[in-house]
Amino acid sequence: MRDSDRSQPILSADDFLLRPWAVEDASWYVESRDEEVFAWTTERRDLTVEETEEGIRRANSGSDAVCCAIADRRSGQLLGNIALAFREDNRKSAEIMYWLAPWARGRGIATKAVMMLCTWAFDALELERVTLQTHAGNVRSQLVAQRAGFQRLEDQDGSGSAADHLWFVRMSDRGTAL
C-alpha cells in the first residue's frame, strides 16, 4: 500500500462516528481536555488553538497518522480524539491513541471507537498489527484494550518487573505471530 492511500476516514457506528478533524474543531480540542487526559496522555497543557489548527491541517494532509474526531452521530457533538500513528520502520504496524471528554466517558465509546478504527485499518490499510500503550495505573484504558481484543505484551525489557507503561497488541487475521 502506498502512503498516499492513507486518508482520513469517516466511520459510523450506531451512536457515534469517527471523522476527520476540522480546523473549526480546534477550540473544542484545546478546551475539552481535563485532568484525566493530562494524567494519562502526552497532551500539552499549554497547547494553543493556533497550534491545534496547524496540527489538524498537517494531520489531514499527511501520511504518518490517521487522526479522527469522535462525534455523536445524531447531534454532531464532539466526544473525543482517536489516532493511529504509523511506525516508520514497519509500515504494517501502528499505535492507536485516544482520549474522551469527561461527558463521553463510561458509555463504551472508547472501546467501540478503538475496535472500529482497528477493523478499518486492518481492512483498508492492510495493517498487520496495532499496538496500544497505557500507563500502568490507567485501569480504564487497560479495560478498553482488553474489551477491544488486544492482548497484553510482557514487559518490554523482559524483566517481569512493574513498568510505568503497559503494552497491548491486536493482530489482523493475516498478521504475523507475536
Protein backbone atom coordinates (compact mmCIF):
# COMPACT_ATOMS: atom_id res chain seq x y z
CA MET A 1 0.00 0.00 0.00
CA ARG A 2 1.25 3.48 -0.88
CA ASP A 3 1.34 6.23 1.76
CA SER A 4 -0.95 8.27 -0.49
CA ASP A 5 -3.65 5.61 0.03
CA ARG A 6 -3.91 6.65 3.67
CA SER A 7 -6.75 9.11 4.06
CA GLN A 8 -8.76 10.32 6.99
CA PRO A 9 -11.80 8.01 7.11
CA ILE A 10 -15.40 8.63 8.07
CA LEU A 11 -16.60 5.59 10.02
CA SER A 12 -20.04 5.28 11.55
CA ALA A 13 -21.46 3.28 14.47
CA ASP A 14 -24.97 3.29 15.90
CA ASP A 15 -24.37 6.17 18.29
CA PHE A 16 -21.17 7.91 17.17
CA LEU A 17 -18.88 8.39 14.21
CA LEU A 18 -15.21 8.88 13.53
CA ARG A 19 -14.50 11.73 11.14
CA PRO A 20 -11.54 13.87 10.15
CA TRP A 21 -10.81 16.79 12.41
CA ALA A 22 -11.87 20.17 11.01
CA VAL A 23 -9.91 23.35 11.72
CA GLU A 24 -13.10 24.70 13.31
CA ASP A 25 -12.79 21.94 15.96
CA ALA A 26 -9.52 23.33 17.35
CA SER A 27 -11.07 25.33 20.21
CA TRP A 28 -13.09 22.32 21.33
CA TYR A 29 -9.96 20.16 21.26
CA VAL A 30 -7.99 22.57 23.45
CA GLU A 31 -10.84 23.27 25.90
CA SER A 32 -12.20 19.72 26.35
CA ARG A 33 -9.09 18.16 27.81
CA ASP A 34 -9.25 17.74 31.57
CA GLU A 35 -7.00 16.49 34.38
CA GLU A 36 -7.63 12.85 33.43
CA VAL A 37 -6.49 13.49 29.86
CA PHE A 38 -3.37 15.26 31.12
CA ALA A 39 -2.66 12.47 33.64
CA TRP A 40 -2.72 9.64 31.11
CA THR A 41 -1.57 11.18 27.81
CA THR A 42 1.25 13.30 26.46
CA GLU A 43 -1.13 16.21 25.77
CA ARG A 44 0.49 19.57 26.49
CA ARG A 45 -1.37 21.80 28.92
CA ASP A 46 -0.17 24.92 27.09
CA LEU A 47 -1.37 23.80 23.65
CA THR A 48 -2.92 26.74 21.81
CA VAL A 49 -5.84 26.88 19.41
CA GLU A 50 -3.47 28.11 16.69
CA GLU A 51 -1.11 25.16 17.21
CA THR A 52 -4.08 22.80 17.15
CA GLU A 53 -5.37 24.32 13.89
CA GLU A 54 -1.95 23.77 12.31
CA GLY A 55 -1.83 20.23 13.70
CA ILE A 56 -5.22 19.46 12.16
CA ARG A 57 -4.05 20.77 8.77
CA ARG A 58 -0.91 18.60 8.96
CA ALA A 59 -2.84 15.53 10.10
CA ASN A 60 -5.39 15.84 7.31
CA SER A 61 -2.72 16.17 4.64
CA GLY A 62 -0.05 13.82 6.00
CA SER A 63 0.57 10.12 5.80
CA ASP A 64 2.21 9.42 9.17
CA ALA A 65 -1.07 9.16 11.10
CA VAL A 66 -4.83 8.85 10.78
CA CYS A 67 -6.46 11.30 13.19
CA CYS A 68 -10.21 11.39 13.83
CA ALA A 69 -12.68 13.26 15.94
CA ILE A 70 -15.17 11.07 17.79
CA ALA A 71 -18.59 12.72 17.43
CA ASP A 72 -22.15 11.93 18.44
CA ARG A 73 -23.82 10.62 15.32
CA ARG A 74 -27.13 12.42 15.86
CA SER A 75 -26.14 15.76 17.37
CA GLY A 76 -22.62 16.11 15.98
CA GLN A 77 -21.33 16.93 19.49
CA LEU A 78 -17.63 16.16 19.75
CA LEU A 79 -16.77 13.43 22.24
CA GLY A 80 -13.06 12.76 21.87
CA ASN A 81 -9.98 12.08 19.83
CA ILE A 82 -8.57 8.89 18.30
CA ALA A 83 -5.50 8.38 16.14
CA LEU A 84 -3.35 5.73 14.53
CA ALA A 85 0.34 6.66 14.32
CA PHE A 86 2.31 4.63 11.80
CA ARG A 87 5.75 3.28 12.51
CA GLU A 88 8.46 4.48 10.16
CA ASP A 89 10.39 1.23 10.43
CA ASN A 90 7.34 -1.00 9.81
CA ARG A 91 4.51 0.45 7.73
CA LYS A 92 2.32 -2.58 8.53
CA SER A 93 2.16 -1.58 12.18
CA ALA A 94 0.63 1.39 14.00
CA GLU A 95 -0.04 2.57 17.54
CA ILE A 96 -3.56 3.64 18.50
CA MET A 97 -4.13 6.53 20.91
CA TYR A 98 -7.35 8.10 22.18
CA TRP A 99 -8.98 10.24 24.81
CA LEU A 100 -12.56 11.19 25.60
CA ALA A 101 -14.06 14.37 27.01
CA PRO A 102 -15.43 13.91 30.55
CA TRP A 103 -19.09 13.75 29.43
CA ALA A 104 -18.36 10.93 26.95
CA ARG A 105 -16.70 8.51 29.39
CA GLY A 106 -18.28 5.39 30.83
CA ARG A 107 -20.51 4.62 27.84
CA GLY A 108 -18.31 2.17 25.93
CA ILE A 109 -17.45 4.73 23.26
CA ALA A 110 -13.67 4.34 23.59
CA THR A 111 -13.88 0.56 23.23
CA LYS A 112 -16.15 0.77 20.18
CA ALA A 113 -14.07 3.51 18.58
CA VAL A 114 -10.84 1.54 19.05
CA MET A 115 -12.45 -1.59 17.60
CA MET A 116 -13.88 0.33 14.66
CA LEU A 117 -10.63 2.09 13.75
CA CYS A 118 -8.64 -1.14 14.10
CA THR A 119 -11.05 -3.04 11.84
CA TRP A 120 -10.83 -0.27 9.25
CA ALA A 121 -7.02 -0.20 9.48
CA PHE A 122 -6.75 -3.97 9.06
CA ASP A 123 -9.14 -3.99 6.10
CA ALA A 124 -8.49 -0.71 4.27
CA LEU A 125 -4.81 -0.20 5.09
CA GLU A 126 -3.86 -3.87 5.36
CA LEU A 127 -2.12 -3.32 8.68
CA GLU A 128 -0.94 -6.47 10.39
CA ARG A 129 -0.56 -5.14 13.94
CA VAL A 130 -1.90 -2.34 16.12
CA THR A 131 -0.35 -1.58 19.49
CA LEU A 132 -1.80 0.34 22.40
CA GLN A 133 0.19 1.76 25.32
CA THR A 134 -1.26 2.67 28.71
CA HIS A 135 0.16 3.96 31.95
CA ALA A 136 0.39 1.16 34.50
CA GLY A 137 -2.17 2.96 36.68
CA ASN A 138 -4.69 3.67 33.92
CA VAL A 139 -7.04 0.75 34.59
CA ARG A 140 -9.86 2.21 32.47
CA SER A 141 -7.66 2.30 29.38
CA GLN A 142 -6.39 -1.22 30.08
CA LEU A 143 -10.01 -2.41 30.15
CA VAL A 144 -10.64 -0.65 26.81
CA ALA A 145 -7.67 -2.53 25.34
CA GLN A 146 -8.91 -5.89 26.63
CA ARG A 147 -12.51 -5.31 25.51
CA ALA A 148 -11.28 -4.21 22.07
CA GLY A 149 -9.48 -7.52 21.54
CA PHE A 150 -5.93 -6.53 22.46
CA GLN A 151 -3.58 -8.87 24.31
CA ARG A 152 -1.13 -7.60 26.88
CA LEU A 153 2.52 -7.96 25.96
CA GLU A 154 5.13 -8.87 28.53
CA ASP A 155 7.24 -6.01 29.84
CA GLN A 156 9.37 -4.60 27.03
CA ASP A 157 12.63 -5.29 28.86
CA GLY A 158 11.62 -8.85 29.77
CA SER A 159 12.45 -8.29 33.42
CA GLY A 160 8.98 -9.10 34.69
CA SER A 161 9.10 -6.01 36.91
CA ALA A 162 6.31 -3.48 37.06
CA ALA A 163 6.76 -0.88 34.34
CA ASP A 164 5.43 2.65 34.09
CA HIS A 165 3.63 1.66 30.89
CA LEU A 166 1.90 -1.46 29.67
CA TRP A 167 1.78 -2.52 26.03
CA PHE A 168 -1.08 -4.30 24.29
CA VAL A 169 -1.27 -5.67 20.74
CA ARG A 170 -4.02 -6.66 18.36
CA MET A 171 -3.14 -8.60 15.21
CA SER A 172 -5.08 -8.79 11.98
CA ASP A 173 -6.12 -12.19 10.66
CA ARG A 174 -3.19 -12.01 8.26
CA GLY A 175 -0.76 -10.65 10.90
CA THR A 176 2.41 -12.40 11.85
CA ALA A 177 2.94 -14.18 15.16
CA LEU A 178 3.95 -12.17 18.20
